[in-house]
C-alpha atoms as a PDB file:
ATOM      1  CA  MET A   1    -195.622  68.142  31.851  1.00  0.00           C
ATOM      2  CA  SER A   2    -197.999  70.347  33.858  1.00  0.00           C
ATOM      3  CA  ASP A   3    -199.164  72.272  30.762  1.00  0.00           C
ATOM      4  CA  ALA A   4    -200.894  69.134  29.445  1.00  0.00           C
ATOM      5  CA  LEU A   5    -202.202  68.090  32.853  1.00  0.00           C
ATOM      6  CA  ARG A   6    -205.989  67.834  33.037  1.00  0.00           C
ATOM      7  CA  LEU A   7    -206.611  68.947  36.573  1.00  0.00           C
ATOM      8  CA  GLY A   8    -209.820  69.983  38.262  1.00  0.00           C
ATOM      9  CA  ALA A   9    -212.085  69.618  41.271  1.00  0.00           C
ATOM     10  CA  HIS A  10    -215.542  68.503  42.288  1.00  0.00           C
ATOM     11  CA  LEU A  11    -217.953  71.384  41.624  1.00  0.00           C
ATOM     12  CA  SER A  12    -221.680  72.019  41.980  1.00  0.00           C
ATOM     13  CA  ILE A  13    -223.984  72.200  38.958  1.00  0.00           C
ATOM     14  CA  SER A  14    -226.879  73.627  41.000  1.00  0.00           C
ATOM     15  CA  GLN A  15    -226.552  76.899  39.046  1.00  0.00           C
ATOM     16  CA  GLY A  16    -226.246  75.053  35.748  1.00  0.00           C
ATOM     17  CA  LEU A  17    -223.567  73.214  33.806  1.00  0.00           C
ATOM     18  CA  PRO A  18    -222.288  76.363  32.035  1.00  0.00           C
ATOM     19  CA  LYS A  19    -221.785  78.040  35.431  1.00  0.00           C
ATOM     20  CA  ALA A  20    -219.721  75.044  36.559  1.00  0.00           C
ATOM     21  CA  VAL A  21    -217.428  75.605  33.570  1.00  0.00           C
ATOM     22  CA  GLU A  22    -216.987  79.236  34.700  1.00  0.00           C
ATOM     23  CA  MET A  23    -216.203  78.031  38.225  1.00  0.00           C
ATOM     24  CA  ALA A  24    -213.609  75.596  36.855  1.00  0.00           C
ATOM     25  CA  VAL A  25    -211.854  78.349  34.916  1.00  0.00           C
ATOM     26  CA  GLU A  26    -211.976  80.600  37.998  1.00  0.00           C
ATOM     27  CA  ILE A  27    -209.997  78.085  40.064  1.00  0.00           C
ATOM     28  CA  GLY A  28    -207.489  77.321  37.305  1.00  0.00           C
ATOM     29  CA  ALA A  29    -209.029  73.984  36.312  1.00  0.00           C
ATOM     30  CA  ASN A  30    -209.450  72.470  32.863  1.00  0.00           C
ATOM     31  CA  THR A  31    -211.718  69.628  33.929  1.00  0.00           C
ATOM     32  CA  PHE A  32    -214.175  69.024  36.777  1.00  0.00           C
ATOM     33  CA  ALA A  33    -216.494  66.515  38.412  1.00  0.00           C
ATOM     34  CA  TYR A  34    -220.081  67.012  39.532  1.00  0.00           C
ATOM     35  CA  PHE A  35    -222.907  65.069  41.137  1.00  0.00           C
ATOM     36  CA  THR A  36    -225.456  63.985  38.557  1.00  0.00           C
ATOM     37  CA  ARG A  37    -228.232  64.392  41.138  1.00  0.00           C
ATOM     38  CA  ASN A  38    -228.674  64.960  44.894  1.00  0.00           C
ATOM     39  CA  PRO A  39    -225.663  63.129  46.421  1.00  0.00           C
ATOM     40  CA  ARG A  40    -227.558  62.068  49.548  1.00  0.00           C
ATOM     41  CA  GLY A  41    -230.849  61.366  47.855  1.00  0.00           C
ATOM     42  CA  GLY A  42    -231.695  60.698  44.276  1.00  0.00           C
ATOM     43  CA  ALA A  43    -233.643  63.660  42.909  1.00  0.00           C
ATOM     44  CA  ALA A  44    -232.358  64.800  39.509  1.00  0.00           C
ATOM     45  CA  ARG A  45    -232.527  68.377  38.246  1.00  0.00           C
ATOM     46  CA  THR A  46    -234.034  68.819  34.797  1.00  0.00           C
ATOM     47  CA  ILE A  47    -231.354  69.823  32.288  1.00  0.00           C
ATOM     48  CA  ARG A  48    -232.950  71.514  29.296  1.00  0.00           C
ATOM     49  CA  PRO A  49    -231.628  71.571  25.704  1.00  0.00           C
ATOM     50  CA  GLU A  50    -230.614  75.239  25.918  1.00  0.00           C
ATOM     51  CA  GLU A  51    -228.472  74.537  28.987  1.00  0.00           C
ATOM     52  CA  ILE A  52    -226.854  71.601  27.219  1.00  0.00           C
ATOM     53  CA  ALA A  53    -226.042  73.779  24.204  1.00  0.00           C
ATOM     54  CA  ALA A  54    -224.533  76.483  26.433  1.00  0.00           C
ATOM     55  CA  PHE A  55    -222.494  73.836  28.291  1.00  0.00           C
ATOM     56  CA  ILE A  56    -221.050  72.424  25.084  1.00  0.00           C
ATOM     57  CA  GLU A  57    -220.211  75.943  23.857  1.00  0.00           C
ATOM     58  CA  ALA A  58    -218.565  76.861  27.172  1.00  0.00           C
ATOM     59  CA  LYS A  59    -216.377  73.767  27.127  1.00  0.00           C
ATOM     60  CA  GLU A  60    -215.280  74.399  23.548  1.00  0.00           C
ATOM     61  CA  ARG A  61    -214.519  78.045  24.317  1.00  0.00           C
ATOM     62  CA  THR A  62    -212.538  77.409  27.515  1.00  0.00           C
ATOM     63  CA  GLY A  63    -210.848  74.095  26.771  1.00  0.00           C
ATOM     64  CA  VAL A  64    -212.518  72.391  29.743  1.00  0.00           C
ATOM     65  CA  ARG A  65    -213.013  68.719  28.889  1.00  0.00           C
ATOM     66  CA  ASP A  66    -213.234  65.155  30.184  1.00  0.00           C
ATOM     67  CA  THR A  67    -215.863  66.071  32.773  1.00  0.00           C
ATOM     68  CA  VAL A  68    -216.761  63.349  35.255  1.00  0.00           C
ATOM     69  CA  GLY A  69    -220.290  62.920  36.543  1.00  0.00           C
ATOM     70  CA  HIS A  70    -220.520  61.278  39.979  1.00  0.00           C
ATOM     71  CA  LEU A  71    -223.571  59.197  40.855  1.00  0.00           C
ATOM     72  CA  PRO A  72    -225.097  59.839  44.310  1.00  0.00           C
ATOM     73  CA  TYR A  73    -223.791  57.985  47.357  1.00  0.00           C
ATOM     74  CA  THR A  74    -227.222  56.395  47.774  1.00  0.00           C
ATOM     75  CA  VAL A  75    -226.639  54.255  44.676  1.00  0.00           C
ATOM     76  CA  ASN A  76    -225.611  50.734  45.718  1.00  0.00           C
ATOM     77  CA  PRO A  77    -225.405  48.412  42.704  1.00  0.00           C
ATOM     78  CA  ALA A  78    -224.068  45.616  44.950  1.00  0.00           C
ATOM     79  CA  GLY A  79    -227.186  45.806  47.128  1.00  0.00           C
ATOM     80  CA  LYS A  80    -230.355  43.762  46.988  1.00  0.00           C
ATOM     81  CA  ASP A  81    -234.106  44.173  46.567  1.00  0.00           C
ATOM     82  CA  ARG A  82    -235.248  47.835  46.509  1.00  0.00           C
ATOM     83  CA  VAL A  83    -231.673  49.072  46.959  1.00  0.00           C
ATOM     84  CA  ALA A  84    -230.601  47.298  43.785  1.00  0.00           C
ATOM     85  CA  GLU A  85    -233.747  48.414  41.972  1.00  0.00           C
ATOM     86  CA  PHE A  86    -232.964  52.069  42.746  1.00  0.00           C
ATOM     87  CA  ALA A  87    -229.365  51.583  41.569  1.00  0.00           C
ATOM     88  CA  ARG A  88    -230.511  50.111  38.267  1.00  0.00           C
ATOM     89  CA  MET A  89    -232.888  53.016  37.706  1.00  0.00           C
ATOM     90  CA  VAL A  90    -230.265  55.704  38.419  1.00  0.00           C
ATOM     91  CA  LEU A  91    -227.539  54.008  36.386  1.00  0.00           C
ATOM     92  CA  ARG A  92    -229.805  53.611  33.373  1.00  0.00           C
ATOM     93  CA  GLU A  93    -231.175  57.154  33.558  1.00  0.00           C
ATOM     94  CA  ASP A  94    -227.845  58.867  34.198  1.00  0.00           C
ATOM     95  CA  ILE A  95    -226.008  57.105  31.375  1.00  0.00           C
ATOM     96  CA  GLU A  96    -228.680  58.440  29.023  1.00  0.00           C
ATOM     97  CA  ARG A  97    -228.781  61.921  30.621  1.00  0.00           C
ATOM     98  CA  ALA A  98    -224.995  62.370  30.608  1.00  0.00           C
ATOM     99  CA  SER A  99    -224.712  61.115  27.047  1.00  0.00           C
ATOM    100  CA  ALA A 100    -227.195  63.793  25.960  1.00  0.00           C
ATOM    101  CA  PHE A 101    -224.883  66.600  27.085  1.00  0.00           C
ATOM    102  CA  THR A 102    -221.620  64.916  26.086  1.00  0.00           C
ATOM    103  CA  GLY A 103    -220.760  63.920  29.638  1.00  0.00           C
ATOM    104  CA  GLU A 104    -217.620  61.969  28.906  1.00  0.00           C
ATOM    105  CA  PHE A 105    -217.490  59.887  32.088  1.00  0.00           C
ATOM    106  CA  LEU A 106    -219.808  58.735  34.895  1.00  0.00           C
ATOM    107  CA  ASN A 107    -218.150  57.662  38.125  1.00  0.00           C
ATOM    108  CA  PHE A 108    -219.860  55.421  40.704  1.00  0.00           C
ATOM    109  CA  HIS A 109    -219.047  53.471  43.845  1.00  0.00           C
ATOM    110  CA  PRO A 110    -219.285  49.695  43.294  1.00  0.00           C
ATOM    111  CA  GLY A 111    -221.358  49.504  46.473  1.00  0.00           C
ATOM    112  CA  SER A 112    -221.831  47.525  49.672  1.00  0.00           C
ATOM    113  CA  HIS A 113    -222.580  43.835  50.096  1.00  0.00           C
ATOM    114  CA  GLN A 114    -224.895  44.709  53.031  1.00  0.00           C
ATOM    115  CA  GLY A 115    -223.394  42.068  55.299  1.00  0.00           C
ATOM    116  CA  ASP A 116    -223.616  39.191  52.827  1.00  0.00           C
ATOM    117  CA  GLY A 117    -219.885  39.018  52.024  1.00  0.00           C
ATOM    118  CA  SER A 118    -217.797  40.468  49.208  1.00  0.00           C
ATOM    119  CA  GLU A 119    -218.326  37.508  46.872  1.00  0.00           C
ATOM    120  CA  GLU A 120    -222.105  37.932  47.022  1.00  0.00           C
ATOM    121  CA  GLY A 121    -221.747  41.716  46.696  1.00  0.00           C
ATOM    122  CA  VAL A 122    -219.632  41.420  43.561  1.00  0.00           C
ATOM    123  CA  ALA A 123    -222.115  38.916  42.114  1.00  0.00           C
ATOM    124  CA  ARG A 124    -224.970  41.366  42.670  1.00  0.00           C
ATOM    125  CA  LEU A 125    -222.908  44.223  41.183  1.00  0.00           C
ATOM    126  CA  ILE A 126    -222.343  42.091  38.091  1.00  0.00           C
ATOM    127  CA  ALA A 127    -226.050  41.225  37.858  1.00  0.00           C
ATOM    128  CA  THR A 128    -226.953  44.919  38.080  1.00  0.00           C
ATOM    129  CA  LEU A 129    -224.552  45.879  35.290  1.00  0.00           C
ATOM    130  CA  GLN A 130    -225.563  42.922  33.133  1.00  0.00           C
ATOM    131  CA  GLU A 131    -229.123  44.203  33.233  1.00  0.00           C
ATOM    132  CA  VAL A 132    -228.388  47.929  32.886  1.00  0.00           C
ATOM    133  CA  MET A 133    -225.655  48.116  30.253  1.00  0.00           C
ATOM    134  CA  PRO A 134    -227.530  46.491  27.328  1.00  0.00           C
ATOM    135  CA  GLU A 135    -230.597  48.649  28.061  1.00  0.00           C
ATOM    136  CA  ALA A 136    -228.919  52.029  28.640  1.00  0.00           C
ATOM    137  CA  GLU A 137    -228.633  54.140  25.514  1.00  0.00           C
ATOM    138  CA  GLY A 138    -225.721  56.524  25.109  1.00  0.00           C
ATOM    139  CA  ASP A 139    -221.943  56.567  24.974  1.00  0.00           C
ATOM    140  CA  ALA A 140    -221.059  58.035  28.382  1.00  0.00           C
ATOM    141  CA  MET A 141    -218.455  55.766  29.960  1.00  0.00           C
ATOM    142  CA  LEU A 142    -219.267  54.275  33.357  1.00  0.00           C
ATOM    143  CA  LEU A 143    -216.281  54.214  35.743  1.00  0.00           C
ATOM    144  CA  LEU A 144    -216.064  51.943  38.777  1.00  0.00           C
ATOM    145  CA  GLU A 145    -214.243  53.804  41.546  1.00  0.00           C
ATOM    146  CA  THR A 146    -211.534  51.973  43.472  1.00  0.00           C
ATOM    147  CA  MET A 147    -212.587  51.826  47.117  1.00  0.00           C
ATOM    148  CA  SER A 148    -210.831  51.745  50.504  1.00  0.00           C
ATOM    149  CA  GLY A 149    -212.408  48.490  51.717  1.00  0.00           C
ATOM    150  CA  GLN A 150    -214.190  50.314  54.531  1.00  0.00           C
ATOM    151  CA  GLY A 151    -216.947  48.288  56.179  1.00  0.00           C
ATOM    152  CA  SER A 152    -218.840  46.190  53.635  1.00  0.00           C
ATOM    153  CA  GLU A 153    -217.542  47.960  50.508  1.00  0.00           C
ATOM    154  CA  VAL A 154    -216.726  45.970  47.402  1.00  0.00           C
ATOM    155  CA  GLY A 155    -214.302  47.141  44.731  1.00  0.00           C
ATOM    156  CA  ALA A 156    -211.265  47.612  46.980  1.00  0.00           C
ATOM    157  CA  THR A 157    -209.130  45.148  45.004  1.00  0.00           C
ATOM    158  CA  PHE A 158    -208.128  45.135  41.364  1.00  0.00           C
ATOM    159  CA  ALA A 159    -209.071  41.447  41.245  1.00  0.00           C
ATOM    160  CA  GLN A 160    -212.706  42.237  42.090  1.00  0.00           C
ATOM    161  CA  ILE A 161    -212.827  44.894  39.384  1.00  0.00           C
ATOM    162  CA  ARG A 162    -211.362  42.445  36.858  1.00  0.00           C
ATOM    163  CA  THR A 163    -214.054  39.916  37.804  1.00  0.00           C
ATOM    164  CA  VAL A 164    -216.700  42.516  36.965  1.00  0.00           C
ATOM    165  CA  PHE A 165    -215.117  43.338  33.601  1.00  0.00           C
ATOM    166  CA  ASP A 166    -214.825  39.658  32.673  1.00  0.00           C
ATOM    167  CA  ALA A 167    -218.539  39.157  33.394  1.00  0.00           C
ATOM    168  CA  VAL A 168    -219.719  42.403  31.747  1.00  0.00           C
ATOM    169  CA  PRO A 169    -217.742  42.865  28.511  1.00  0.00           C
ATOM    170  CA  ASP A 170    -219.082  46.304  27.679  1.00  0.00           C
ATOM    171  CA  PRO A 171    -216.552  48.842  26.311  1.00  0.00           C
ATOM    172  CA  ARG A 172    -218.400  51.601  28.203  1.00  0.00           C
ATOM    173  CA  LEU A 173    -217.103  50.218  31.524  1.00  0.00           C
ATOM    174  CA  GLY A 174    -213.884  51.616  32.964  1.00  0.00           C
ATOM    175  CA  VAL A 175    -212.098  52.554  36.198  1.00  0.00           C
ATOM    176  CA  CYS A 176    -211.675  55.740  38.228  1.00  0.00           C
ATOM    177  CA  LEU A 177    -208.777  55.569  40.681  1.00  0.00           C
ATOM    178  CA  ASP A 178    -208.834  57.382  44.037  1.00  0.00           C
ATOM    179  CA  SER A 179    -205.478  58.007  45.704  1.00  0.00           C
ATOM    180  CA  CYS A 180    -206.891  58.143  49.239  1.00  0.00           C
ATOM    181  CA  HIS A 181    -208.867  54.937  48.705  1.00  0.00           C
ATOM    182  CA  LEU A 182    -205.884  53.135  47.162  1.00  0.00           C
ATOM    183  CA  PHE A 183    -203.659  54.159  50.074  1.00  0.00           C
ATOM    184  CA  ALA A 184    -206.284  53.046  52.613  1.00  0.00           C
ATOM    185  CA  ALA A 185    -206.625  49.742  50.748  1.00  0.00           C
ATOM    186  CA  GLY A 186    -202.903  49.094  51.190  1.00  0.00           C
ATOM    187  CA  TYR A 187    -201.169  50.556  48.131  1.00  0.00           C
ATOM    188  CA  ASP A 188    -198.169  52.597  49.306  1.00  0.00           C
ATOM    189  CA  LEU A 189    -198.188  55.746  47.173  1.00  0.00           C
ATOM    190  CA  ARG A 190    -195.603  57.694  49.170  1.00  0.00           C
ATOM    191  CA  THR A 191    -192.719  57.113  46.742  1.00  0.00           C
ATOM    192  CA  PRO A 192    -192.266  56.900  42.955  1.00  0.00           C
ATOM    193  CA  GLU A 193    -191.422  53.220  43.380  1.00  0.00           C
ATOM    194  CA  GLY A 194    -194.623  52.546  45.317  1.00  0.00           C
ATOM    195  CA  VAL A 195    -196.736  54.361  42.741  1.00  0.00           C
ATOM    196  CA  ALA A 196    -195.028  52.424  39.939  1.00  0.00           C
ATOM    197  CA  ARG A 197    -195.763  49.104  41.696  1.00  0.00           C
ATOM    198  CA  MET A 198    -199.439  50.022  41.971  1.00  0.00           C
ATOM    199  CA  VAL A 199    -199.628  50.994  38.293  1.00  0.00           C
ATOM    200  CA  LYS A 200    -197.840  47.772  37.274  1.00  0.00           C
ATOM    201  CA  GLU A 201    -200.336  45.645  39.215  1.00  0.00           C
ATOM    202  CA  LEU A 202    -203.210  47.666  37.807  1.00  0.00           C
ATOM    203  CA  ASP A 203    -201.950  47.017  34.286  1.00  0.00           C
ATOM    204  CA  GLU A 204    -201.458  43.294  34.879  1.00  0.00           C
ATOM    205  CA  VAL A 205    -204.817  42.695  36.564  1.00  0.00           C
ATOM    206  CA  VAL A 206    -207.191  45.222  34.972  1.00  0.00           C
ATOM    207  CA  GLY A 207    -205.372  46.786  32.019  1.00  0.00           C
ATOM    208  CA  LEU A 208    -204.422  50.457  31.820  1.00  0.00           C
ATOM    209  CA  SER A 209    -206.690  51.043  28.821  1.00  0.00           C
ATOM    210  CA  ARG A 210    -209.633  50.650  31.213  1.00  0.00           C
ATOM    211  CA  VAL A 211    -208.411  53.378  33.577  1.00  0.00           C
ATOM    212  CA  ARG A 212    -209.891  56.689  32.477  1.00  0.00           C
ATOM    213  CA  ALA A 213    -209.859  59.125  35.455  1.00  0.00           C
ATOM    214  CA  MET A 214    -208.448  59.695  38.944  1.00  0.00           C
ATOM    215  CA  HIS A 215    -209.476  61.395  42.167  1.00  0.00           C
ATOM    216  CA  LEU A 216    -206.464  63.011  43.824  1.00  0.00           C
ATOM    217  CA  ASN A 217    -206.724  63.242  47.604  1.00  0.00           C
ATOM    218  CA  ASP A 218    -204.327  62.928  50.505  1.00  0.00           C
ATOM    219  CA  SER A 219    -205.350  60.608  53.363  1.00  0.00           C
ATOM    220  CA  LYS A 220    -206.016  61.434  57.013  1.00  0.00           C
ATOM    221  CA  GLN A 221    -205.583  57.763  57.907  1.00  0.00           C
ATOM    222  CA  PRO A 222    -202.458  55.568  57.647  1.00  0.00           C
ATOM    223  CA  LEU A 223    -201.566  53.050  54.970  1.00  0.00           C
ATOM    224  CA  GLY A 224    -203.878  50.036  54.913  1.00  0.00           C
ATOM    225  CA  SER A 225    -206.358  51.551  57.383  1.00  0.00           C
ATOM    226  CA  HIS A 226    -209.380  50.736  55.178  1.00  0.00           C
ATOM    227  CA  ARG A 227    -210.797  54.101  56.251  1.00  0.00           C
ATOM    228  CA  ASP A 228    -211.950  56.658  53.685  1.00  0.00           C
ATOM    229  CA  ARG A 229    -210.876  60.024  55.090  1.00  0.00           C
ATOM    230  CA  HIS A 230    -209.725  62.595  52.539  1.00  0.00           C
ATOM    231  CA  GLU A 231    -207.165  65.278  53.376  1.00  0.00           C
ATOM    232  CA  LYS A 232    -205.760  68.309  51.575  1.00  0.00           C
ATOM    233  CA  LEU A 233    -202.771  67.721  49.325  1.00  0.00           C
ATOM    234  CA  GLY A 234    -199.531  67.267  51.223  1.00  0.00           C
ATOM    235  CA  GLN A 235    -201.195  67.486  54.646  1.00  0.00           C
ATOM    236  CA  GLY A 236    -201.955  63.802  55.133  1.00  0.00           C
ATOM    237  CA  GLN A 237    -200.283  60.413  55.302  1.00  0.00           C
ATOM    238  CA  ILE A 238    -199.464  60.279  51.585  1.00  0.00           C
ATOM    239  CA  GLY A 239    -197.675  63.631  51.899  1.00  0.00           C
ATOM    240  CA  ARG A 240    -196.193  66.053  49.380  1.00  0.00           C
ATOM    241  CA  ASP A 241    -193.649  63.499  48.135  1.00  0.00           C
ATOM    242  CA  GLY A 242    -196.389  60.969  47.480  1.00  0.00           C
ATOM    243  CA  ILE A 243    -198.670  63.451  45.725  1.00  0.00           C
ATOM    244  CA  GLN A 244    -195.689  64.498  43.603  1.00  0.00           C
ATOM    245  CA  ALA A 245    -194.934  60.850  42.776  1.00  0.00           C
ATOM    246  CA  ILE A 246    -198.526  60.363  41.615  1.00  0.00           C
ATOM    247  CA  LEU A 247    -198.538  63.508  39.484  1.00  0.00           C
ATOM    248  CA  ARG A 248    -195.192  62.654  37.890  1.00  0.00           C
ATOM    249  CA  ASN A 249    -196.021  59.041  37.122  1.00  0.00           C
ATOM    250  CA  GLU A 250    -195.836  58.530  33.365  1.00  0.00           C
ATOM    251  CA  PHE A 251    -199.290  56.920  33.156  1.00  0.00           C
ATOM    252  CA  LEU A 252    -201.278  58.638  35.912  1.00  0.00           C
ATOM    253  CA  ARG A 253    -200.428  62.135  34.670  1.00  0.00           C
ATOM    254  CA  THR A 254    -202.245  61.378  31.386  1.00  0.00           C
ATOM    255  CA  LEU A 255    -205.611  60.976  33.182  1.00  0.00           C
ATOM    256  CA  PRO A 256    -208.142  63.679  34.005  1.00  0.00           C
ATOM    257  CA  ILE A 257    -207.379  64.265  37.700  1.00  0.00           C
ATOM    258  CA  VAL A 258    -210.072  65.592  40.026  1.00  0.00           C
ATOM    259  CA  LEU A 259    -209.577  66.894  43.566  1.00  0.00           C
ATOM    260  CA  GLU A 260    -212.036  65.943  46.301  1.00  0.00           C
ATOM    261  CA  THR A 261    -210.075  67.395  49.202  1.00  0.00           C
ATOM    262  CA  PRO A 262    -211.994  68.864  52.186  1.00  0.00           C
ATOM    263  CA  ILE A 263    -212.847  72.514  51.539  1.00  0.00           C
ATOM    264  CA  ASP A 264    -215.577  74.912  52.699  1.00  0.00           C
ATOM    265  CA  ASP A 265    -215.834  76.921  49.465  1.00  0.00           C
ATOM    266  CA  TYR A 266    -214.990  75.808  45.939  1.00  0.00           C
ATOM    267  CA  ARG A 267    -212.624  78.777  45.539  1.00  0.00           C
ATOM    268  CA  GLU A 268    -210.272  77.075  47.997  1.00  0.00           C
ATOM    269  CA  TYR A 269    -209.596  74.525  45.281  1.00  0.00           C
ATOM    270  CA  ALA A 270    -207.562  77.189  43.457  1.00  0.00           C
ATOM    271  CA  GLY A 271    -204.810  76.813  46.049  1.00  0.00           C
ATOM    272  CA  GLU A 272    -204.944  73.023  45.891  1.00  0.00           C
ATOM    273  CA  ILE A 273    -204.745  73.104  42.093  1.00  0.00           C
ATOM    274  CA  LYS A 274    -201.790  75.474  42.281  1.00  0.00           C
ATOM    275  CA  ILE A 275    -199.998  73.055  44.614  1.00  0.00           C
ATOM    276  CA  ALA A 276    -200.769  70.141  42.305  1.00  0.00           C
ATOM    277  CA  ARG A 277    -199.414  71.944  39.251  1.00  0.00           C
ATOM    278  CA  GLU A 278    -196.243  72.887  41.129  1.00  0.00           C
ATOM    279  CA  LEU A 279    -195.738  69.275  42.254  1.00  0.00           C
ATOM    280  CA  ALA A 280    -196.409  68.021  38.730  1.00  0.00           C
ATOM    281  CA  GLY A 281    -193.230  69.821  37.626  1.00  0.00           C
END
């Protein structure tokens, strides 16, 4: 089971995409995630054709695949006015940029309703995607991340995500799960039975064919807390048994799985990946 597991971590591309592939191999990963631009701002680094060619070659040589770009936290497609305008610009640009260097997936937070209520927030998210998707050129798949329901976040329920898909029938739209967020939103992932219930609901409401990646994180906060606080694997409220249940679930183990656990240096992910592979069986 673990031999086929696509397991990686969130890495920096500040030294270039090919360097990120080297970093992934160094920590025992065969996939990775990266911010497409400054995570707290919006500035995007120019990625030249020679870097793209070297990136593609490095992935083919090492077997690293299913990379996941992550849009900056400042992108709020459920926002309004200038906030929404910025989100539309980044979404459109990054779909095209990632497609140019065979970025398989682009992950983004569905956003915040800015105090106007979740129904209005989801409506604005839909309006943003209805404008962006027909205009954006490229085949990179855009993944809505499941959220914890913290504050004014939208996207914490499978029903909200299904509403978006029904309104925006674009095959380039999918889902990225996050174990910490799911647990905080009320899905009990501490046992195989709990994980199976979550997957069953996900299939019934959204459809498993839409689910294309997962962030694997333990949670500092208890079940249903609606607080997004990541913890290292096995050291939080989900615990080793829960992380094992996730990694051994028949469906979840087929996804590219990316760690976002709290570390000071990317090399620390090597230990986390080792733990994950051991728990996977």
